[in-house]
C-alpha atoms as a PDB file:
ATOM      1  CA  MET A   1     -86.669 -82.962  25.519  1.00  0.00           C
ATOM      2  CA  PHE A   2     -88.746 -84.376  22.488  1.00  0.00           C
ATOM      3  CA  PRO A   3     -89.350 -82.521  19.118  1.00  0.00           C
ATOM      4  CA  PHE A   4     -93.188 -82.482  19.477  1.00  0.00           C
ATOM      5  CA  GLU A   5     -95.851 -81.657  22.000  1.00  0.00           C
ATOM      6  CA  GLU A   6     -98.251 -84.591  23.275  1.00  0.00           C
ATOM      7  CA  LYS A   7    -101.458 -84.946  24.615  1.00  0.00           C
ATOM      8  CA  SER A   8    -103.361 -87.885  26.155  1.00  0.00           C
ATOM      9  CA  VAL A   9    -106.932 -88.574  24.816  1.00  0.00           C
ATOM     10  CA  ASP A  10    -107.261 -92.026  26.673  1.00  0.00           C
ATOM     11  CA  LYS A  11    -105.038 -94.572  27.847  1.00  0.00           C
ATOM     12  CA  GLN A  12    -104.366 -95.798  24.403  1.00  0.00           C
ATOM     13  CA  VAL A  13    -104.658 -92.680  22.430  1.00  0.00           C
ATOM     14  CA  LYS A  14    -102.213 -89.650  22.526  1.00  0.00           C
ATOM     15  CA  ILE A  15    -102.026 -86.861  20.076  1.00  0.00           C
ATOM     16  CA  ARG A  16     -98.402 -85.571  18.785  1.00  0.00           C
ATOM     17  CA  THR A  17     -98.001 -81.947  17.737  1.00  0.00           C
ATOM     18  CA  PHE A  18     -94.827 -81.407  15.491  1.00  0.00           C
ATOM     19  CA  LYS A  19     -94.201 -77.656  14.811  1.00  0.00           C
ATOM     20  CA  SER A  20     -93.210 -76.792  11.156  1.00  0.00           C
ATOM     21  CA  SER A  21     -90.204 -75.004  12.663  1.00  0.00           C
ATOM     22  CA  THR A  22     -88.673 -78.300  13.895  1.00  0.00           C
ATOM     23  CA  ASP A  23     -85.196 -79.008  12.442  1.00  0.00           C
ATOM     24  CA  ASN A  24     -84.655 -82.408  10.913  1.00  0.00           C
ATOM     25  CA  GLU A  25     -81.597 -82.946  13.183  1.00  0.00           C
ATOM     26  CA  GLU A  26     -84.456 -83.376  16.088  1.00  0.00           C
ATOM     27  CA  LEU A  27     -86.193 -85.787  14.162  1.00  0.00           C
ATOM     28  CA  ILE A  28     -84.135 -88.787  14.822  1.00  0.00           C
ATOM     29  CA  TRP A  29     -84.264 -92.726  13.923  1.00  0.00           C
ATOM     30  CA  HIS A  30     -85.367 -94.339  16.784  1.00  0.00           C
ATOM     31  CA  ARG A  31     -87.423 -97.820  17.741  1.00  0.00           C
ATOM     32  CA  ASP A  32     -90.455 -98.343  19.886  1.00  0.00           C
ATOM     33  CA  VAL A  33     -90.727-100.667  22.816  1.00  0.00           C
ATOM     34  CA  GLU A  34     -94.213-101.764  21.447  1.00  0.00           C
ATOM     35  CA  ASP A  35     -96.291-102.000  18.575  1.00  0.00           C
ATOM     36  CA  ARG A  36     -97.641 -98.592  17.463  1.00  0.00           C
ATOM     37  CA  SER A  37    -100.333 -97.469  15.171  1.00  0.00           C
ATOM     38  CA  VAL A  38    -100.294 -93.583  13.906  1.00  0.00           C
ATOM     39  CA  ARG A  39    -103.054 -91.942  12.291  1.00  0.00           C
ATOM     40  CA  VAL A  40    -102.132 -88.783  10.386  1.00  0.00           C
ATOM     41  CA  LEU A  41    -104.490 -85.616  11.473  1.00  0.00           C
ATOM     42  CA  GLN A  42    -103.247 -82.734   9.693  1.00  0.00           C
ATOM     43  CA  GLY A  43    -100.211 -81.200   8.068  1.00  0.00           C
ATOM     44  CA  GLU A  44     -98.308 -80.811   5.007  1.00  0.00           C
ATOM     45  CA  GLY A  45     -94.852 -81.295   4.122  1.00  0.00           C
ATOM     46  CA  TRP A  46     -93.942 -84.211   6.437  1.00  0.00           C
ATOM     47  CA  TYR A  47     -92.792 -87.895   5.495  1.00  0.00           C
ATOM     48  CA  PHE A  48     -92.488 -91.421   7.234  1.00  0.00           C
ATOM     49  CA  GLN A  49     -89.411 -93.356   6.576  1.00  0.00           C
ATOM     50  CA  ARG A  50     -88.525 -97.054   7.777  1.00  0.00           C
ATOM     51  CA  GLU A  51     -85.164 -98.354   7.711  1.00  0.00           C
ATOM     52  CA  ASP A  52     -84.002 -99.519   4.444  1.00  0.00           C
ATOM     53  CA  GLU A  53     -87.007 -97.864   2.684  1.00  0.00           C
ATOM     54  CA  LEU A  54     -87.635 -94.736   0.933  1.00  0.00           C
ATOM     55  CA  PRO A  55     -89.783 -91.997   2.877  1.00  0.00           C
ATOM     56  CA  VAL A  56     -93.468 -91.781   2.055  1.00  0.00           C
ATOM     57  CA  LYS A  57     -95.419 -88.766   2.028  1.00  0.00           C
ATOM     58  CA  LEU A  58     -97.967 -88.322   5.043  1.00  0.00           C
ATOM     59  CA  ASN A  59    -101.531 -87.291   4.070  1.00  0.00           C
ATOM     60  CA  PRO A  60    -104.047 -86.405   6.719  1.00  0.00           C
ATOM     61  CA  GLY A  61    -106.115 -89.897   7.198  1.00  0.00           C
ATOM     62  CA  ASP A  62    -103.157 -91.997   6.679  1.00  0.00           C
ATOM     63  CA  VAL A  63    -102.421 -94.995   9.128  1.00  0.00           C
ATOM     64  CA  HIS A  64     -99.057 -96.418   9.808  1.00  0.00           C
ATOM     65  CA  ALA A  65     -98.569 -99.549  11.696  1.00  0.00           C
ATOM     66  CA  ILE A  66     -95.291 -99.471  13.210  1.00  0.00           C
ATOM     67  CA  LYS A  67     -93.939-102.728  14.928  1.00  0.00           C
ATOM     68  CA  LYS A  68     -91.888-102.693  18.281  1.00  0.00           C
ATOM     69  CA  CYS A  69     -88.146-102.868  17.797  1.00  0.00           C
ATOM     70  CA  THR A  70     -88.067-101.484  14.011  1.00  0.00           C
ATOM     71  CA  TRP A  71     -86.070 -98.289  13.090  1.00  0.00           C
ATOM     72  CA  HIS A  72     -88.111 -95.380  11.634  1.00  0.00           C
ATOM     73  CA  ARG A  73     -88.165 -91.516  11.538  1.00  0.00           C
ATOM     74  CA  ILE A  74     -90.471 -88.729  10.237  1.00  0.00           C
ATOM     75  CA  ILE A  75     -88.735 -85.928   7.861  1.00  0.00           C
ATOM     76  CA  ARG A  76     -89.938 -82.403   7.409  1.00  0.00           C
ATOM     77  CA  LYS A  77     -89.317 -81.496   3.523  1.00  0.00           C
ATOM     78  CA  ARG A  78     -88.697 -77.566   3.401  1.00  0.00           C
ATOM     79  CA  VAL A  79     -90.073 -75.687   0.592  1.00  0.00           C
ATOM     80  CA  CYS A  80     -88.143 -73.223  -1.178  1.00  0.00           C
ATOM     81  CA  SER A  81     -89.876 -70.177  -1.491  1.00  0.00           C
ATOM     82  CA  ASN A  82     -87.671 -68.626  -4.170  1.00  0.00           C
ATOM     83  CA  LEU A  83     -88.166 -71.588  -6.716  1.00  0.00           C
END
């Protein structure tokens, strides 16, 4: 089971929705079998990380090109409400 819901818009465009309650343990390092372009539509507190790089914050409108067979993951940063 994947940590997201996916909806196909057409043959090449899919929208993946990650819930804010998703545990980081579910967001594993992985590689894709083909090149992919990812556009951030909405959300707060999410980061994208490539292998051997620091995570970068995902902002609405950002586009990330991911080459096939490269390790990457997304991370959800929790915000402490008592700080």
